[in-house]
Amino acid sequence: MLLLDDEDELPAFPQEEEQALAFELGIYGLSKIDEAIVNNTKANWSKVARVISEAITAGGLNYSEATINLHTRRVMLLVESGALESQGNLKKPRFSEVRISNV
């Protein structure tokens, strides 16, 4: 089941398909995902599921489980880096929110 559609939680470790996608995209592709996520995040709180959905559409990628999980992990990295702020459990995109960091 897709994280954007239900209450599932992101697996603790990337699955084989997600790892293959990240490898295929490479550093440039991953940076484009990060850029799309940031560009679709506002100053006000937004649901992570919406931000991910818009970033996937902007990047022209398909809505596979691997793509959604990879985008979710990229959101988590952007929060860890300080680019985004979050509230809620980021492993559950429908039940968490992000916004552009005020820093």
PDB file of N, CA and C in Angstrom:
ATOM      1  N   MET A   1       0.844  -1.184   0.000  1.00  0.00           N
ATOM      2  CA  MET A   1       0.000   0.000   0.000  1.00  0.00           C
ATOM      3  C   MET A   1       0.887   1.244   0.000  1.00  0.00           C
ATOM      4  N   LEU A   2       0.400   2.274  -0.627  1.00  0.00           N
ATOM      5  CA  LEU A   2       1.179   3.501  -0.745  1.00  0.00           C
ATOM      6  C   LEU A   2       1.041   4.362   0.498  1.00  0.00           C
ATOM      7  N   LEU A   3       2.145   4.939   0.933  1.00  0.00           N
ATOM      8  CA  LEU A   3       2.152   5.793   2.119  1.00  0.00           C
ATOM      9  C   LEU A   3       1.208   6.976   2.004  1.00  0.00           C
ATOM     10  N   LEU A   4       0.962   7.447   0.791  1.00  0.00           N
ATOM     11  CA  LEU A   4       0.117   8.625   0.617  1.00  0.00           C
ATOM     12  C   LEU A   4      -1.358   8.292   0.751  1.00  0.00           C
ATOM     13  N   ASP A   5      -1.715   7.010   0.727  1.00  0.00           N
ATOM     14  CA  ASP A   5      -3.112   6.605   0.722  1.00  0.00           C
ATOM     15  C   ASP A   5      -3.620   6.049   2.041  1.00  0.00           C
ATOM     16  N   ASP A   6      -2.761   5.699   2.945  1.00  0.00           N
ATOM     17  CA  ASP A   6      -3.218   5.023   4.153  1.00  0.00           C
ATOM     18  C   ASP A   6      -2.353   5.404   5.347  1.00  0.00           C
ATOM     19  N   GLU A   7      -2.491   4.634   6.414  1.00  0.00           N
ATOM     20  CA  GLU A   7      -1.781   4.933   7.651  1.00  0.00           C
ATOM     21  C   GLU A   7      -0.469   4.164   7.781  1.00  0.00           C
ATOM     22  N   ASP A   8      -0.006   3.542   6.693  1.00  0.00           N
ATOM     23  CA  ASP A   8       1.246   2.795   6.755  1.00  0.00           C
ATOM     24  C   ASP A   8       2.403   3.709   7.144  1.00  0.00           C
ATOM     25  N   GLU A   9       3.430   3.087   7.691  1.00  0.00           N
ATOM     26  CA  GLU A   9       4.621   3.821   8.105  1.00  0.00           C
ATOM     27  C   GLU A   9       5.786   3.433   7.197  1.00  0.00           C
ATOM     28  N   LEU A  10       6.633   4.399   6.912  1.00  0.00           N
ATOM     29  CA  LEU A  10       7.823   4.178   6.091  1.00  0.00           C
ATOM     30  C   LEU A  10       8.669   3.072   6.717  1.00  0.00           C
ATOM     31  N   PRO A  11       9.092   2.080   5.926  1.00  0.00           N
ATOM     32  CA  PRO A  11       9.969   1.033   6.469  1.00  0.00           C
ATOM     33  C   PRO A  11      11.255   1.644   7.035  1.00  0.00           C
ATOM     34  N   ALA A  12      11.802   1.000   8.047  1.00  0.00           N
ATOM     35  CA  ALA A  12      13.015   1.511   8.693  1.00  0.00           C
ATOM     36  C   ALA A  12      14.190   1.597   7.721  1.00  0.00           C
ATOM     37  N   PHE A  13      14.250   0.667   6.779  1.00  0.00           N
ATOM     38  CA  PHE A  13      15.346   0.645   5.816  1.00  0.00           C
ATOM     39  C   PHE A  13      14.780   0.616   4.402  1.00  0.00           C
ATOM     40  N   PRO A  14      15.474   1.247   3.452  1.00  0.00           N
ATOM     41  CA  PRO A  14      14.997   1.235   2.062  1.00  0.00           C
ATOM     42  C   PRO A  14      14.902  -0.189   1.512  1.00  0.00           C
ATOM     43  N   GLN A  15      13.821  -0.449   0.793  1.00  0.00           N
ATOM     44  CA  GLN A  15      13.644  -1.737   0.125  1.00  0.00           C
ATOM     45  C   GLN A  15      14.496  -1.753  -1.150  1.00  0.00           C
ATOM     46  N   GLU A  16      14.628  -2.912  -1.752  1.00  0.00           N
ATOM     47  CA  GLU A  16      15.482  -3.083  -2.931  1.00  0.00           C
ATOM     48  C   GLU A  16      15.098  -2.137  -4.071  1.00  0.00           C
ATOM     49  N   GLU A  17      13.792  -1.993  -4.330  1.00  0.00           N
ATOM     50  CA  GLU A  17      13.333  -1.129  -5.425  1.00  0.00           C
ATOM     51  C   GLU A  17      13.691   0.332  -5.165  1.00  0.00           C
ATOM     52  N   GLU A  18      13.564   0.757  -3.919  1.00  0.00           N
ATOM     53  CA  GLU A  18      13.906   2.137  -3.553  1.00  0.00           C
ATOM     54  C   GLU A  18      15.405   2.376  -3.705  1.00  0.00           C
ATOM     55  N   GLN A  19      16.209   1.423  -3.280  1.00  0.00           N
ATOM     56  CA  GLN A  19      17.658   1.544  -3.430  1.00  0.00           C
ATOM     57  C   GLN A  19      18.048   1.616  -4.900  1.00  0.00           C
ATOM     58  N   ALA A  20      17.408   0.793  -5.728  1.00  0.00           N
ATOM     59  CA  ALA A  20      17.706   0.789  -7.164  1.00  0.00           C
ATOM     60  C   ALA A  20      17.337   2.125  -7.794  1.00  0.00           C
ATOM     61  N   LEU A  21      16.206   2.691  -7.386  1.00  0.00           N
ATOM     62  CA  LEU A  21      15.781   3.988  -7.911  1.00  0.00           C
ATOM     63  C   LEU A  21      16.778   5.077  -7.522  1.00  0.00           C
ATOM     64  N   ALA A  22      17.191   5.099  -6.267  1.00  0.00           N
ATOM     65  CA  ALA A  22      18.159   6.101  -5.809  1.00  0.00           C
ATOM     66  C   ALA A  22      19.468   5.977  -6.584  1.00  0.00           C
ATOM     67  N   PHE A  23      19.911   4.748  -6.817  1.00  0.00           N
ATOM     68  CA  PHE A  23      21.139   4.519  -7.576  1.00  0.00           C
ATOM     69  C   PHE A  23      20.977   5.003  -9.013  1.00  0.00           C
ATOM     70  N   GLU A  24      19.831   4.688  -9.611  1.00  0.00           N
ATOM     71  CA  GLU A  24      19.559   5.095 -10.996  1.00  0.00           C
ATOM     72  C   GLU A  24      19.524   6.617 -11.134  1.00  0.00           C
ATOM     73  N   LEU A  25      18.922   7.294 -10.164  1.00  0.00           N
ATOM     74  CA  LEU A  25      18.819   8.757 -10.217  1.00  0.00           C
ATOM     75  C   LEU A  25      20.168   9.428  -9.987  1.00  0.00           C
ATOM     76  N   GLY A  26      20.983   8.845  -9.142  1.00  0.00           N
ATOM     77  CA  GLY A  26      22.291   9.417  -8.839  1.00  0.00           C
ATOM     78  C   GLY A  26      22.180  10.702  -8.035  1.00  0.00           C
ATOM     79  N   ILE A  27      23.308  11.312  -7.782  1.00  0.00           N
ATOM     80  CA  ILE A  27      23.355  12.529  -6.968  1.00  0.00           C
ATOM     81  C   ILE A  27      22.558  13.653  -7.614  1.00  0.00           C
ATOM     82  N   TYR A  28      22.679  13.801  -8.922  1.00  0.00           N
ATOM     83  CA  TYR A  28      21.953  14.869  -9.617  1.00  0.00           C
ATOM     84  C   TYR A  28      20.441  14.667  -9.490  1.00  0.00           C
ATOM     85  N   GLY A  29      19.977  13.462  -9.719  1.00  0.00           N
ATOM     86  CA  GLY A  29      18.541  13.180  -9.625  1.00  0.00           C
ATOM     87  C   GLY A  29      18.005  13.377  -8.219  1.00  0.00           C
ATOM     88  N   LEU A  30      18.783  12.971  -7.223  1.00  0.00           N
ATOM     89  CA  LEU A  30      18.358  13.160  -5.837  1.00  0.00           C
ATOM     90  C   LEU A  30      18.304  14.645  -5.482  1.00  0.00           C
ATOM     91  N   SER A  31      19.253  15.420  -5.993  1.00  0.00           N
ATOM     92  CA  SER A  31      19.226  16.868  -5.726  1.00  0.00           C
ATOM     93  C   SER A  31      18.021  17.515  -6.402  1.00  0.00           C
ATOM     94  N   LYS A  32      17.606  16.984  -7.561  1.00  0.00           N
ATOM     95  CA  LYS A  32      16.401  17.501  -8.230  1.00  0.00           C
ATOM     96  C   LYS A  32      15.152  17.166  -7.413  1.00  0.00           C
ATOM     97  N   ILE A  33      15.124  16.003  -6.778  1.00  0.00           N
ATOM     98  CA  ILE A  33      14.017  15.655  -5.885  1.00  0.00           C
ATOM     99  C   ILE A  33      13.983  16.628  -4.718  1.00  0.00           C
ATOM    100  N   ASP A  34      15.139  16.876  -4.105  1.00  0.00           N
ATOM    101  CA  ASP A  34      15.205  17.821  -2.986  1.00  0.00           C
ATOM    102  C   ASP A  34      14.706  19.198  -3.415  1.00  0.00           C
ATOM    103  N   GLU A  35      15.122  19.634  -4.579  1.00  0.00           N
ATOM    104  CA  GLU A  35      14.703  20.935  -5.107  1.00  0.00           C
ATOM    105  C   GLU A  35      13.188  20.974  -5.303  1.00  0.00           C
ATOM    106  N   ALA A  36      12.626  19.910  -5.851  1.00  0.00           N
ATOM    107  CA  ALA A  36      11.176  19.858  -6.070  1.00  0.00           C
ATOM    108  C   ALA A  36      10.423  19.864  -4.744  1.00  0.00           C
ATOM    109  N   ILE A  37      10.953  19.174  -3.744  1.00  0.00           N
ATOM    110  CA  ILE A  37      10.314  19.165  -2.423  1.00  0.00           C
ATOM    111  C   ILE A  37      10.328  20.566  -1.827  1.00  0.00           C
ATOM    112  N   VAL A  38      11.479  21.213  -1.833  1.00  0.00           N
ATOM    113  CA  VAL A  38      11.587  22.566  -1.270  1.00  0.00           C
ATOM    114  C   VAL A  38      10.702  23.538  -2.039  1.00  0.00           C
ATOM    115  N   ASN A  39      10.683  23.434  -3.362  1.00  0.00           N
ATOM    116  CA  ASN A  39       9.862  24.338  -4.180  1.00  0.00           C
ATOM    117  C   ASN A  39       8.369  24.151  -3.955  1.00  0.00           C
ATOM    118  N   ASN A  40       7.969  22.988  -3.459  1.00  0.00           N
ATOM    119  CA  ASN A  40       6.556  22.725  -3.209  1.00  0.00           C
ATOM    120  C   ASN A  40       6.189  22.818  -1.734  1.00  0.00           C
ATOM    121  N   THR A  41       7.119  23.317  -0.932  1.00  0.00           N
ATOM    122  CA  THR A  41       6.871  23.547   0.486  1.00  0.00           C
ATOM    123  C   THR A  41       6.694  25.042   0.703  1.00  0.00           C
ATOM    124  N   LYS A  42       5.721  25.397   1.504  1.00  0.00           N
ATOM    125  CA  LYS A  42       5.380  26.804   1.741  1.00  0.00           C
ATOM    126  C   LYS A  42       5.910  27.265   3.103  1.00  0.00           C
ATOM    127  N   ALA A  43       5.683  28.535   3.401  1.00  0.00           N
ATOM    128  CA  ALA A  43       6.044  29.079   4.710  1.00  0.00           C
ATOM    129  C   ALA A  43       5.072  28.591   5.779  1.00  0.00           C
ATOM    130  N   ASN A  44       3.850  28.243   5.367  1.00  0.00           N
ATOM    131  CA  ASN A  44       2.847  27.700   6.288  1.00  0.00           C
ATOM    132  C   ASN A  44       2.929  26.180   6.279  1.00  0.00           C
ATOM    133  N   TRP A  45       2.409  25.560   7.328  1.00  0.00           N
ATOM    134  CA  TRP A  45       2.429  24.106   7.430  1.00  0.00           C
ATOM    135  C   TRP A  45       1.637  23.475   6.293  1.00  0.00           C
ATOM    136  N   SER A  46       2.214  22.442   5.688  1.00  0.00           N
ATOM    137  CA  SER A  46       1.568  21.666   4.621  1.00  0.00           C
ATOM    138  C   SER A  46       1.747  20.187   4.920  1.00  0.00           C
ATOM    139  N   LYS A  47       0.747  19.395   4.580  1.00  0.00           N
ATOM    140  CA  LYS A  47       0.853  17.945   4.764  1.00  0.00           C
ATOM    141  C   LYS A  47       2.008  17.406   3.922  1.00  0.00           C
ATOM    142  N   VAL A  48       2.798  16.543   4.510  1.00  0.00           N
ATOM    143  CA  VAL A  48       3.926  15.947   3.804  1.00  0.00           C
ATOM    144  C   VAL A  48       3.438  15.172   2.582  1.00  0.00           C
ATOM    145  N   ALA A  49       2.305  14.500   2.693  1.00  0.00           N
ATOM    146  CA  ALA A  49       1.768  13.742   1.554  1.00  0.00           C
ATOM    147  C   ALA A  49       1.516  14.653   0.356  1.00  0.00           C
ATOM    148  N   ARG A  50       1.005  15.846   0.601  1.00  0.00           N
ATOM    149  CA  ARG A  50       0.736  16.783  -0.492  1.00  0.00           C
ATOM    150  C   ARG A  50       2.042  17.263  -1.114  1.00  0.00           C
ATOM    151  N   VAL A  51       2.994  17.626  -0.276  1.00  0.00           N
ATOM    152  CA  VAL A  51       4.292  18.099  -0.765  1.00  0.00           C
ATOM    153  C   VAL A  51       4.964  17.018  -1.615  1.00  0.00           C
ATOM    154  N   ILE A  52       4.934  15.780  -1.137  1.00  0.00           N
ATOM    155  CA  ILE A  52       5.534  14.674  -1.884  1.00  0.00           C
ATOM    156  C   ILE A  52       4.818  14.474  -3.213  1.00  0.00           C
ATOM    157  N   SER A  53       3.500  14.488  -3.183  1.00  0.00           N
ATOM    158  CA  SER A  53       2.721  14.300  -4.411  1.00  0.00           C
ATOM    159  C   SER A  53       3.056  15.367  -5.446  1.00  0.00           C
ATOM    160  N   GLU A  54       3.121  16.611  -5.014  1.00  0.00           N
ATOM    161  CA  GLU A  54       3.439  17.705  -5.931  1.00  0.00           C
ATOM    162  C   GLU A  54       4.877  17.612  -6.438  1.00  0.00           C
ATOM    163  N   ALA A  55       5.796  17.181  -5.583  1.00  0.00           N
ATOM    164  CA  ALA A  55       7.196  17.036  -5.997  1.00  0.00           C
ATOM    165  C   ALA A  55       7.347  15.904  -7.018  1.00  0.00           C
ATOM    166  N   ILE A  56       6.624  14.812  -6.819  1.00  0.00           N
ATOM    167  CA  ILE A  56       6.675  13.701  -7.777  1.00  0.00           C
ATOM    168  C   ILE A  56       6.133  14.157  -9.127  1.00  0.00           C
ATOM    169  N   THR A  57       5.017  14.871  -9.105  1.00  0.00           N
ATOM    170  CA  THR A  57       4.437  15.381 -10.348  1.00  0.00           C
ATOM    171  C   THR A  57       5.403  16.341 -11.034  1.00  0.00           C
ATOM    172  N   ALA A  58       5.998  17.254 -10.268  1.00  0.00           N
ATOM    173  CA  ALA A  58       6.936  18.233 -10.833  1.00  0.00           C
ATOM    174  C   ALA A  58       8.148  17.543 -11.454  1.00  0.00           C
ATOM    175  N   GLY A  59       8.572  16.440 -10.860  1.00  0.00           N
ATOM    176  CA  GLY A  59       9.735  15.725 -11.365  1.00  0.00           C
ATOM    177  C   GLY A  59       9.427  14.759 -12.496  1.00  0.00           C
ATOM    178  N   GLY A  60       8.140  14.599 -12.798  1.00  0.00           N
ATOM    179  CA  GLY A  60       7.753  13.702 -13.880  1.00  0.00           C
ATOM    180  C   GLY A  60       7.969  12.229 -13.571  1.00  0.00           C
ATOM    181  N   LEU A  61       7.991  11.891 -12.288  1.00  0.00           N
ATOM    182  CA  LEU A  61       8.197  10.497 -11.890  1.00  0.00           C
ATOM    183  C   LEU A  61       6.857   9.790 -11.712  1.00  0.00           C
ATOM    184  N   ASN A  62       6.900   8.451 -11.675  1.00  0.00           N
ATOM    185  CA  ASN A  62       5.665   7.696 -11.458  1.00  0.00           C
ATOM    186  C   ASN A  62       5.385   7.554  -9.963  1.00  0.00           C
ATOM    187  N   TYR A  63       4.171   7.205  -9.640  1.00  0.00           N
ATOM    188  CA  TYR A  63       3.749   7.079  -8.245  1.00  0.00           C
ATOM    189  C   TYR A  63       3.912   5.649  -7.746  1.00  0.00           C
ATOM    190  N   SER A  64       5.105   5.123  -7.819  1.00  0.00           N
ATOM    191  CA  SER A  64       5.372   3.784  -7.299  1.00  0.00           C
ATOM    192  C   SER A  64       5.680   3.882  -5.806  1.00  0.00           C
ATOM    193  N   GLU A  65       5.612   2.752  -5.147  1.00  0.00           N
ATOM    194  CA  GLU A  65       5.937   2.714  -3.724  1.00  0.00           C
ATOM    195  C   GLU A  65       7.380   3.170  -3.497  1.00  0.00           C
ATOM    196  N   ALA A  66       8.283   2.744  -4.369  1.00  0.00           N
ATOM    197  CA  ALA A  66       9.693   3.125  -4.238  1.00  0.00           C
ATOM    198  C   ALA A  66       9.871   4.631  -4.376  1.00  0.00           C
ATOM    199  N   THR A  67       9.169   5.247  -5.323  1.00  0.00           N
ATOM    200  CA  THR A  67       9.279   6.694  -5.539  1.00  0.00           C
ATOM    201  C   THR A  67       8.761   7.460  -4.334  1.00  0.00           C
ATOM    202  N   ILE A  68       7.626   7.041  -3.814  1.00  0.00           N
ATOM    203  CA  ILE A  68       7.037   7.717  -2.653  1.00  0.00           C
ATOM    204  C   ILE A  68       7.935   7.552  -1.434  1.00  0.00           C
ATOM    205  N   ASN A  69       8.428   6.344  -1.203  1.00  0.00           N
ATOM    206  CA  ASN A  69       9.304   6.117  -0.053  1.00  0.00           C
ATOM    207  C   ASN A  69      10.595   6.926  -0.167  1.00  0.00           C
ATOM    208  N   LEU A  70      11.164   6.990  -1.365  1.00  0.00           N
ATOM    209  CA  LEU A  70      12.388   7.771  -1.566  1.00  0.00           C
ATOM    210  C   LEU A  70      12.127   9.250  -1.283  1.00  0.00           C
ATOM    211  N   HIS A  71      11.029   9.783  -1.772  1.00  0.00           N
ATOM    212  CA  HIS A  71      10.683  11.183  -1.508  1.00  0.00           C
ATOM    213  C   HIS A  71      10.476  11.422  -0.011  1.00  0.00           C
ATOM    214  N   THR A  72       9.862  10.470   0.666  1.00  0.00           N
ATOM    215  CA  THR A  72       9.654  10.605   2.111  1.00  0.00           C
ATOM    216  C   THR A  72      10.992  10.676   2.831  1.00  0.00           C
ATOM    217  N   ARG A  73      11.923   9.828   2.452  1.00  0.00           N
ATOM    218  CA  ARG A  73      13.255   9.866   3.076  1.00  0.00           C
ATOM    219  C   ARG A  73      13.975  11.182   2.758  1.00  0.00           C
ATOM    220  N   ARG A  74      13.783  11.711   1.554  1.00  0.00           N
ATOM    221  CA  ARG A  74      14.408  12.989   1.197  1.00  0.00           C
ATOM    222  C   ARG A  74      13.826  14.120   2.048  1.00  0.00           C
ATOM    223  N   VAL A  75      12.512  14.079   2.315  1.00  0.00           N
ATOM    224  CA  VAL A  75      11.903  15.074   3.208  1.00  0.00           C
ATOM    225  C   VAL A  75      12.570  14.988   4.577  1.00  0.00           C
ATOM    226  N   MET A  76      12.749  13.781   5.079  1.00  0.00           N
ATOM    227  CA  MET A  76      13.377  13.603   6.390  1.00  0.00           C
ATOM    228  C   MET A  76      14.795  14.172   6.410  1.00  0.00           C
ATOM    229  N   LEU A  77      15.540  13.967   5.338  1.00  0.00           N
ATOM    230  CA  LEU A  77      16.899  14.522   5.252  1.00  0.00           C
ATOM    231  C   LEU A  77      16.885  16.049   5.205  1.00  0.00           C
ATOM    232  N   LEU A  78      15.916  16.615   4.496  1.00  0.00           N
ATOM    233  CA  LEU A  78      15.806  18.078   4.432  1.00  0.00           C
ATOM    234  C   LEU A  78      15.452  18.661   5.797  1.00  0.00           C
ATOM    235  N   VAL A  79      14.658  17.937   6.575  1.00  0.00           N
ATOM    236  CA  VAL A  79      14.353  18.374   7.941  1.00  0.00           C
ATOM    237  C   VAL A  79      15.617  18.285   8.793  1.00  0.00           C
ATOM    238  N   GLU A  80      16.329  17.167   8.699  1.00  0.00           N
ATOM    239  CA  GLU A  80      17.573  17.004   9.463  1.00  0.00           C
ATOM    240  C   GLU A  80      18.599  18.073   9.114  1.00  0.00           C
ATOM    241  N   SER A  81      18.630  18.498   7.852  1.00  0.00           N
ATOM    242  CA  SER A  81      19.605  19.504   7.415  1.00  0.00           C
ATOM    243  C   SER A  81      19.216  20.912   7.844  1.00  0.00           C
ATOM    244  N   GLY A  82      17.958  21.087   8.273  1.00  0.00           N
ATOM    245  CA  GLY A  82      17.494  22.406   8.685  1.00  0.00           C
ATOM    246  C   GLY A  82      16.809  23.196   7.587  1.00  0.00           C
ATOM    247  N   ALA A  83      16.723  22.645   6.385  1.00  0.00           N
ATOM    248  CA  ALA A  83      16.059  23.347   5.280  1.00  0.00           C
ATOM    249  C   ALA A  83      14.551  23.427   5.498  1.00  0.00           C
ATOM    250  N   LEU A  84      13.992  22.390   6.149  1.00  0.00           N
ATOM    251  CA  LEU A  84      12.562  22.352   6.446  1.00  0.00           C
ATOM    252  C   LEU A  84      12.356  22.130   7.932  1.00  0.00           C
ATOM    253  N   GLU A  85      11.204  22.570   8.428  1.00  0.00           N
ATOM    254  CA  GLU A  85      10.772  22.277   9.793  1.00  0.00           C
ATOM    255  C   GLU A  85       9.618  21.290   9.694  1.00  0.00           C
ATOM    256  N   SER A  86       9.446  20.474  10.735  1.00  0.00           N
ATOM    257  CA  SER A  86       8.380  19.480  10.678  1.00  0.00           C
ATOM    258  C   SER A  86       7.633  19.389  11.996  1.00  0.00           C
ATOM    259  N   GLN A  87       6.446  18.808  11.900  1.00  0.00           N
ATOM    260  CA  GLN A  87       5.693  18.418  13.084  1.00  0.00           C
ATOM    261  C   GLN A  87       4.973  17.123  12.743  1.00  0.00           C
ATOM    262  N   GLY A  88       4.883  16.253  13.724  1.00  0.00           N
ATOM    263  CA  GLY A  88       4.274  14.951  13.493  1.00  0.00           C
ATOM    264  C   GLY A  88       5.324  13.914  13.125  1.00  0.00           C
ATOM    265  N   ASN A  89       4.860  12.709  12.843  1.00  0.00           N
ATOM    266  CA  ASN A  89       5.727  11.583  12.505  1.00  0.00           C
ATOM    267  C   ASN A  89       5.982  11.578  11.005  1.00  0.00           C
ATOM    268  N   LEU A  90       7.175  11.958  10.594  1.00  0.00           N
ATOM    269  CA  LEU A  90       7.500  12.050   9.169  1.00  0.00           C
ATOM    270  C   LEU A  90       7.440  10.705   8.458  1.00  0.00           C
ATOM    271  N   LYS A  91       7.471   9.618   9.204  1.00  0.00           N
ATOM    272  CA  LYS A  91       7.346   8.301   8.583  1.00  0.00           C
ATOM    273  C   LYS A  91       5.908   8.012   8.157  1.00  0.00           C
ATOM    274  N   LYS A  92       4.993   8.904   8.515  1.00  0.00           N
ATOM    275  CA  LYS A  92       3.585   8.800   8.117  1.00  0.00           C
ATOM    276  C   LYS A  92       3.202  10.105   7.416  1.00  0.00           C
ATOM    277  N   PRO A  93       3.432  10.206   6.105  1.00  0.00           N
ATOM    278  CA  PRO A  93       3.231  11.461   5.372  1.00  0.00           C
ATOM    279  C   PRO A  93       1.837  12.072   5.497  1.00  0.00           C
ATOM    280  N   ARG A  94       0.813  11.259   5.672  1.00  0.00           N
ATOM    281  CA  ARG A  94      -0.543  11.802   5.798  1.00  0.00           C
ATOM    282  C   ARG A  94      -0.773  12.437   7.166  1.00  0.00           C
ATOM    283  N   PHE A  95       0.108  12.142   8.119  1.00  0.00           N
ATOM    284  CA  PHE A  95      -0.102  12.608   9.480  1.00  0.00           C
ATOM    285  C   PHE A  95       1.054  13.469   9.981  1.00  0.00           C
ATOM    286  N   SER A  96       1.761  14.098   9.049  1.00  0.00           N
ATOM    287  CA  SER A  96       2.847  15.003   9.419  1.00  0.00           C
ATOM    288  C   SER A  96       2.834  16.197   8.477  1.00  0.00           C
ATOM    289  N   GLU A  97       3.494  17.257   8.909  1.00  0.00           N
ATOM    290  CA  GLU A  97       3.509  18.497   8.134  1.00  0.00           C
ATOM    291  C   GLU A  97       4.920  19.070   8.095  1.00  0.00           C
ATOM    292  N   VAL A  98       5.180  19.852   7.055  1.00  0.00           N
ATOM    293  CA  VAL A  98       6.458  20.549   6.920  1.00  0.00           C
ATOM    294  C   VAL A  98       6.216  21.979   6.460  1.00  0.00           C
ATOM    295  N   ARG A  99       7.220  22.804   6.698  1.00  0.00           N
ATOM    296  CA  ARG A  99       7.236  24.168   6.170  1.00  0.00           C
ATOM    297  C   ARG A  99       8.690  24.565   5.974  1.00  0.00           C
ATOM    298  N   ILE A 100       8.885  25.623   5.201  1.00  0.00           N
ATOM    299  CA  ILE A 100      10.232  26.151   4.995  1.00  0.00           C
ATOM    300  C   ILE A 100      10.760  26.644   6.337  1.00  0.00           C
ATOM    301  N   SER A 101      12.008  26.351   6.616  1.00  0.00           N
ATOM    302  CA  SER A 101      12.622  26.762   7.871  1.00  0.00           C
ATOM    303  C   SER A 101      12.723  28.277   7.946  1.00  0.00           C
ATOM    304  N   ASN A 102      12.516  28.812   9.131  1.00  0.00           N
ATOM    305  CA  ASN A 102      12.605  30.259   9.354  1.00  0.00           C
ATOM    306  C   ASN A 102      14.038  30.724   9.545  1.00  0.00           C
ATOM    307  N   VAL A 103      14.970  29.798   9.597  1.00  0.00           N
ATOM    308  CA  VAL A 103      16.377  30.142   9.839  1.00  0.00           C
ATOM    309  C   VAL A 103      16.986  30.758   8.608  1.00  0.00           C
TER     310      VAL A 103
END
